[in-house]
Protein backbone atom coordinates (compact mmCIF):
# COMPACT_ATOMS: atom_id res chain seq x y z
CA MET A 1 78.27 -1.19 17.28
CA SER A 2 76.30 -4.40 16.44
CA VAL A 3 76.43 -5.50 12.75
CA TYR A 4 72.84 -5.89 12.79
CA LEU A 5 72.13 -2.33 14.00
CA LEU A 6 74.46 -1.03 11.16
CA GLN A 7 72.60 -3.09 8.63
CA THR A 8 69.34 -1.87 9.81
CA ILE A 9 70.22 1.74 9.52
CA ASN A 10 71.73 1.00 6.10
CA GLY A 11 68.25 -0.51 5.49
CA ILE A 12 66.65 2.34 6.35
CA GLY A 13 68.64 4.63 4.05
CA ILE A 14 68.19 2.09 1.31
CA GLY A 15 64.42 1.89 2.21
CA MET A 16 64.11 5.66 1.97
CA LEU A 17 65.83 5.70 -1.43
CA TYR A 18 63.57 2.99 -2.74
CA PHE A 19 60.61 5.21 -1.31
CA VAL A 20 61.57 8.13 -3.44
CA LEU A 21 61.99 5.75 -6.55
CA ALA A 22 58.65 4.17 -5.99
CA VAL A 23 56.39 6.94 -4.86
CA GLY A 24 55.92 8.57 -8.25
CA LEU A 25 54.96 5.17 -9.81
CA SER A 26 52.42 4.67 -7.06
CA ILE A 27 50.79 8.09 -7.56
CA VAL A 28 50.89 7.90 -11.41
CA PHE A 29 48.97 4.56 -11.28
CA GLY A 30 46.58 5.78 -8.58
CA LEU A 31 45.59 8.84 -10.74
CA LEU A 32 45.82 7.85 -14.04
CA ARG A 33 45.52 4.01 -13.85
CA PHE A 34 48.51 3.98 -16.23
CA VAL A 35 51.09 0.97 -16.18
CA ASN A 36 54.41 3.01 -16.66
CA PHE A 37 57.11 0.75 -17.42
CA ALA A 38 59.52 3.68 -18.35
CA HIS A 39 59.63 4.74 -14.73
CA GLY A 40 63.04 3.11 -14.20
CA ALA A 41 64.32 4.86 -17.31
CA PHE A 42 63.91 8.15 -15.62
CA TYR A 43 65.73 6.96 -12.79
CA LEU A 44 68.47 6.13 -14.99
CA LEU A 45 68.19 9.43 -16.84
CA GLY A 46 68.41 11.35 -13.54
CA ALA A 47 71.63 9.58 -12.27
CA TYR A 48 73.35 10.21 -15.74
CA LEU A 49 72.07 13.88 -15.66
CA GLY A 50 73.43 14.36 -12.28
CA PHE A 51 76.75 12.82 -13.29
CA GLN A 52 77.05 15.08 -16.10
CA LEU A 53 76.29 18.28 -14.10
CA LEU A 54 78.98 17.18 -11.71
CA ALA A 55 81.38 16.32 -14.47
CA TRP A 56 80.80 20.08 -15.47
CA GLY A 57 82.10 21.11 -11.88
CA LEU A 58 78.81 22.18 -10.55
CA ASP A 59 77.93 21.45 -6.82
CA PHE A 60 76.19 18.24 -6.08
CA GLY A 61 73.40 20.37 -4.27
CA ILE A 62 72.70 21.92 -7.67
CA ALA A 63 72.74 18.68 -9.48
CA LEU A 64 70.28 17.30 -6.86
CA PHE A 65 67.73 20.12 -7.97
CA VAL A 66 68.48 20.70 -11.56
CA ALA A 67 68.83 16.97 -12.86
CA PRO A 68 65.08 16.09 -11.45
CA LEU A 69 63.83 19.27 -12.93
CA ILE A 70 64.98 18.38 -16.39
CA ALA A 71 63.76 14.88 -16.12
CA GLY A 72 60.42 16.08 -14.73
CA ALA A 73 60.05 18.59 -17.63
CA LEU A 74 60.87 15.62 -20.16
CA GLY A 75 58.33 13.58 -18.50
CA TRP A 76 55.78 16.11 -18.76
CA ALA A 77 56.64 16.69 -22.39
CA THR A 78 56.31 12.92 -22.96
CA GLU A 79 52.87 12.60 -21.32
CA ARG A 80 51.60 15.78 -23.38
CA LEU A 81 52.82 14.56 -26.56
CA LEU A 82 52.62 10.73 -26.52
CA LEU A 83 51.21 8.99 -23.44
CA HIS A 84 47.99 10.97 -23.01
CA ARG A 85 46.65 9.33 -26.22
CA LEU A 86 47.10 5.84 -24.61
CA TYR A 87 44.97 6.39 -21.43
CA ALA A 88 41.73 4.80 -22.92
CA LYS A 89 43.69 1.86 -24.44
CA ALA A 90 44.11 -1.60 -22.77
CA HIS A 91 47.00 -1.92 -20.25
CA GLU A 92 48.91 -4.08 -22.93
CA PHE A 93 49.19 -0.78 -25.09
CA HIS A 94 50.54 1.15 -21.87
CA ILE A 95 53.28 -1.49 -21.52
CA LEU A 96 54.40 -1.68 -25.18
CA VAL A 97 54.66 1.92 -25.48
CA THR A 98 56.59 2.61 -22.21
CA VAL A 99 58.84 -0.26 -22.59
CA GLY A 100 59.90 1.14 -26.05
CA LEU A 101 60.26 4.56 -24.32
CA ALA A 102 62.58 2.83 -21.82
CA LEU A 103 64.67 1.28 -24.28
CA VAL A 104 64.98 4.65 -26.37
CA ILE A 105 66.22 6.36 -23.15
CA GLN A 106 68.61 3.41 -22.24
CA GLU A 107 70.24 3.48 -25.68
CA ALA A 108 70.26 7.21 -25.70
CA VAL A 109 72.33 6.98 -22.74
CA ILE A 110 74.77 4.51 -23.90
CA VAL A 111 75.30 6.64 -27.20
CA PHE A 112 76.06 9.71 -25.06
CA TRP A 113 77.76 8.49 -22.14
CA GLY A 114 79.16 5.19 -23.30
CA PRO A 115 78.10 1.27 -22.25
CA LEU A 116 80.58 1.32 -19.17
CA GLY A 117 79.48 2.47 -15.66
CA ASN A 118 80.86 5.71 -13.95
CA THR A 119 81.67 6.13 -10.11
CA VAL A 120 80.93 9.10 -8.23
CA GLN A 121 82.33 10.58 -5.04
CA PRO A 122 80.30 12.22 -2.24
CA PRO A 123 80.65 15.83 -2.19
CA GLU A 124 83.41 17.17 -0.09
CA TRP A 125 81.16 18.40 2.72
CA LEU A 126 79.54 14.84 2.93
CA GLN A 127 82.77 12.82 2.88
CA GLY A 128 83.95 10.85 5.90
CA VAL A 129 82.15 9.36 8.66
CA VAL A 130 80.12 10.58 11.91
CA ILE A 131 81.43 9.21 15.10
CA TRP A 132 79.27 9.45 18.18
CA GLY A 133 80.57 7.19 20.88
CA GLN A 134 80.35 3.54 19.32
CA PHE A 135 78.30 4.84 16.47
CA VAL A 136 80.26 5.23 13.19
CA TYR A 137 78.50 5.80 10.04
CA PRO A 138 79.17 7.55 6.74
CA LYS A 139 77.93 11.17 6.53
CA TYR A 140 76.61 10.61 2.95
CA ARG A 141 74.42 7.92 3.83
CA LEU A 142 72.96 9.86 6.98
CA PHE A 143 72.43 12.82 4.70
CA VAL A 144 70.20 10.41 2.42
CA ILE A 145 68.18 9.47 5.34
CA ALA A 146 67.60 13.04 6.58
CA PHE A 147 67.06 14.43 3.11
CA THR A 148 64.59 11.75 2.03
CA ALA A 149 62.60 12.09 5.23
CA VAL A 150 62.15 15.83 4.71
CA LEU A 151 61.28 14.95 1.22
CA ALA A 152 58.60 12.42 2.20
CA GLY A 153 57.17 15.13 4.67
CA LEU A 154 57.12 17.65 1.76
CA LEU A 155 55.16 15.12 -0.62
CA TRP A 156 52.74 14.22 2.07
CA TRP A 157 52.08 18.01 2.40
CA LEU A 158 51.66 18.40 -1.14
CA LEU A 159 49.21 15.52 -1.38
CA GLU A 160 47.13 16.38 1.78
CA GLY A 161 47.58 20.09 2.24
CA THR A 162 47.12 21.56 -1.16
CA ARG A 163 44.51 22.00 -3.98
CA LEU A 164 46.53 19.91 -6.18
CA GLY A 165 46.76 17.05 -3.76
CA SER A 166 43.03 17.14 -3.24
CA ILE A 167 42.60 17.00 -7.06
CA VAL A 168 44.99 14.10 -7.20
CA ARG A 169 43.31 12.22 -4.31
CA ALA A 170 39.79 12.99 -5.84
CA GLY A 171 40.98 11.94 -9.28
CA SER A 172 42.30 8.62 -7.91
CA GLU A 173 38.75 7.89 -6.79
CA SER A 174 36.90 9.21 -9.99
CA THR A 175 38.47 11.28 -12.78
CA GLU A 176 34.88 11.53 -14.15
CA MET A 177 33.67 13.40 -11.06
CA VAL A 178 36.76 15.62 -11.04
CA SER A 179 36.00 16.54 -14.73
CA LEU A 180 32.39 17.34 -14.09
CA LEU A 181 33.53 19.99 -11.32
CA GLY A 182 35.22 22.00 -14.21
CA ILE A 183 38.85 20.89 -13.59
CA ASP A 184 41.13 20.05 -16.64
CA VAL A 185 42.13 16.78 -15.53
CA PHE A 186 44.35 16.12 -18.40
CA ARG A 187 46.56 19.13 -17.38
CA ILE A 188 46.81 17.57 -13.81
CA PHE A 189 47.57 14.11 -15.66
CA GLY A 190 50.59 16.00 -17.18
CA ILE A 191 51.76 17.48 -13.73
CA VAL A 192 51.53 14.23 -11.93
CA PHE A 193 53.46 12.37 -14.60
CA GLY A 194 56.20 14.91 -14.57
CA LEU A 195 56.28 14.76 -10.79
CA GLY A 196 56.70 10.98 -10.89
CA ALA A 197 59.54 11.36 -13.40
CA ALA A 198 61.07 14.13 -11.26
CA THR A 199 61.25 11.86 -8.08
CA ALA A 200 62.37 8.85 -9.97
CA ALA A 201 65.41 11.20 -11.31
CA LEU A 202 65.98 12.59 -7.67
CA ALA A 203 66.46 8.87 -6.55
CA GLY A 204 69.03 8.36 -9.44
CA VAL A 205 70.87 11.42 -8.34
CA LEU A 206 71.01 10.37 -4.69
CA ALA A 207 71.99 6.95 -5.56
CA LEU A 208 75.20 8.21 -7.57
CA PRO A 209 77.70 8.10 -4.74
CA ILE A 210 76.24 4.90 -3.39
CA ARG A 211 76.17 2.62 -6.62
CA GLY A 212 77.39 4.99 -9.43
CA ALA A 213 75.65 5.26 -12.86
CA GLU A 214 75.53 2.56 -15.37
CA PRO A 215 73.33 2.13 -18.40
CA PHE A 216 71.13 -0.73 -17.06
CA MET A 217 70.58 0.46 -13.53
CA GLY A 218 66.94 1.44 -14.78
CA VAL A 219 65.89 -2.15 -15.11
CA GLU A 220 66.84 -3.08 -11.66
CA ALA A 221 65.13 -0.06 -10.29
CA LEU A 222 61.87 -0.81 -12.36
CA ALA A 223 61.51 -4.26 -10.60
CA VAL A 224 62.12 -3.01 -7.18
CA ALA A 225 59.68 -0.19 -7.72
CA PHE A 226 56.99 -2.28 -9.05
CA VAL A 227 57.67 -4.69 -5.89
CA ILE A 228 57.42 -1.78 -3.41
CA VAL A 229 54.08 -0.43 -5.33
CA VAL A 230 52.57 -3.77 -4.98
CA ILE A 231 53.33 -4.42 -1.36
CA GLY A 232 52.32 -1.07 -0.19
CA GLY A 233 49.30 -0.90 -2.27
CA LEU A 234 48.74 0.71 -5.89
CA GLY A 235 48.10 4.39 -5.63
CA SER A 236 48.99 4.67 -1.83
CA PHE A 237 51.59 7.19 -0.56
CA GLY A 238 51.90 5.67 2.85
CA GLY A 239 52.27 2.18 1.11
CA ALA A 240 55.22 3.25 -0.84
CA LEU A 241 56.82 4.60 2.29
CA VAL A 242 55.95 1.29 4.24
CA GLY A 243 57.05 -0.85 1.24
CA GLY A 244 60.28 0.86 0.57
CA LEU A 245 61.36 0.70 4.28
CA MET A 246 60.31 -2.98 4.55
CA ILE A 247 62.28 -3.93 1.37
CA GLY A 248 65.44 -1.89 2.34
CA VAL A 249 65.74 -3.28 5.81
CA MET A 250 65.16 -6.82 4.81
CA GLN A 251 67.42 -6.63 2.03
CA SER A 252 70.15 -5.11 4.16
CA LEU A 253 69.77 -7.60 7.05
CA MET A 254 69.72 -10.60 4.45
CA SER A 255 72.90 -9.51 2.73
CA THR A 256 74.49 -10.11 6.07
CA LEU A 257 72.54 -13.33 7.29
CA TRP A 258 72.24 -14.98 3.67
CA PRO A 259 73.88 -12.73 0.78
CA PRO A 260 72.73 -14.97 -2.13
CA GLY A 261 69.11 -14.63 -0.76
CA ALA A 262 69.11 -10.93 -0.44
CA SER A 263 67.42 -10.20 -3.87
CA LEU A 264 65.54 -13.32 -3.82
CA MET A 265 63.84 -12.12 -0.28
CA ILE A 266 62.39 -9.17 -1.93
CA TYR A 267 60.09 -11.23 -4.11
CA ILE A 268 59.28 -13.84 -1.37
CA THR A 269 57.96 -10.83 0.69
CA MET A 270 56.01 -9.67 -2.23
CA ALA A 271 54.22 -13.07 -2.63
CA ALA A 272 53.64 -13.40 0.91
CA VAL A 273 51.99 -9.93 1.27
CA LEU A 274 49.86 -10.85 -1.89
CA LEU A 275 48.66 -14.01 -0.14
CA LEU A 276 47.62 -12.13 2.75
CA ARG A 277 46.39 -9.05 1.46
CA PRO A 278 46.09 -8.95 -2.32
CA HIS A 279 45.42 -5.27 -2.64
CA GLY A 280 48.81 -4.48 -0.77
CA LEU A 281 49.50 -3.42 3.04
CA LEU A 282 47.74 -0.08 2.62
CA GLY A 283 45.81 -0.22 -0.50
CA ARG A 284 42.21 -0.11 -1.07
CA PRO A 285 40.37 -3.35 -2.29
CA ALA A 286 39.28 -2.91 -6.05
């Protein structure tokens, strides 16, 4: 099988993982207009919660469900207790508080799990490779592609086919109008923030068998998530999907063509998109 085809498939898997990481950040900004620099910390927290659950002998499928649930609950509680007080403030306050929150989570991870990284093997039922003619590919990476594709469909249905999704989409246009309709938008804000934290944590658990868990992985994840959101368009679900796939495939191919430039190309792509479409590929003009 061609190395470029292999790298393209790798890029799709990485891109779908990036989508799961970034979609919560995009939705939160679209509805709340809130700059959340703690988003990468929930990715970090999800990875370590998954690692701990696996260390206790629980199945990977259980960790995949429980870790995001815990992180989502913590995200909801954080929004209710602290962050909702900042919505009316300038973005500088959002950045200051969420950067502080991210540092607290990162240091708590170091205190509880130590400063060194930890590796995790895929579950037994996902170890090995799939062989189909000349196609040879790790089972776990195929699982990531399939799982995240199903998750993307479920999230799309949640946003497009449910009452909550209608409120979120309407709130991204005008929170004042939604409030006038008698809907408790602040309760919806908490749910959406918790959902964003849960999806970030889910990306962290899925990334465990690929890259392991280490205390500073949240910083890298935050940078990638913001790049994807900017490329796709702030508040756009489809933009997060397109941006994630674009960055994943480009990064994977560049790691073969020009390994030192693989990370650099992410930011070059973002700059090019901003020059051509300042509001992102699928974003709405301000």
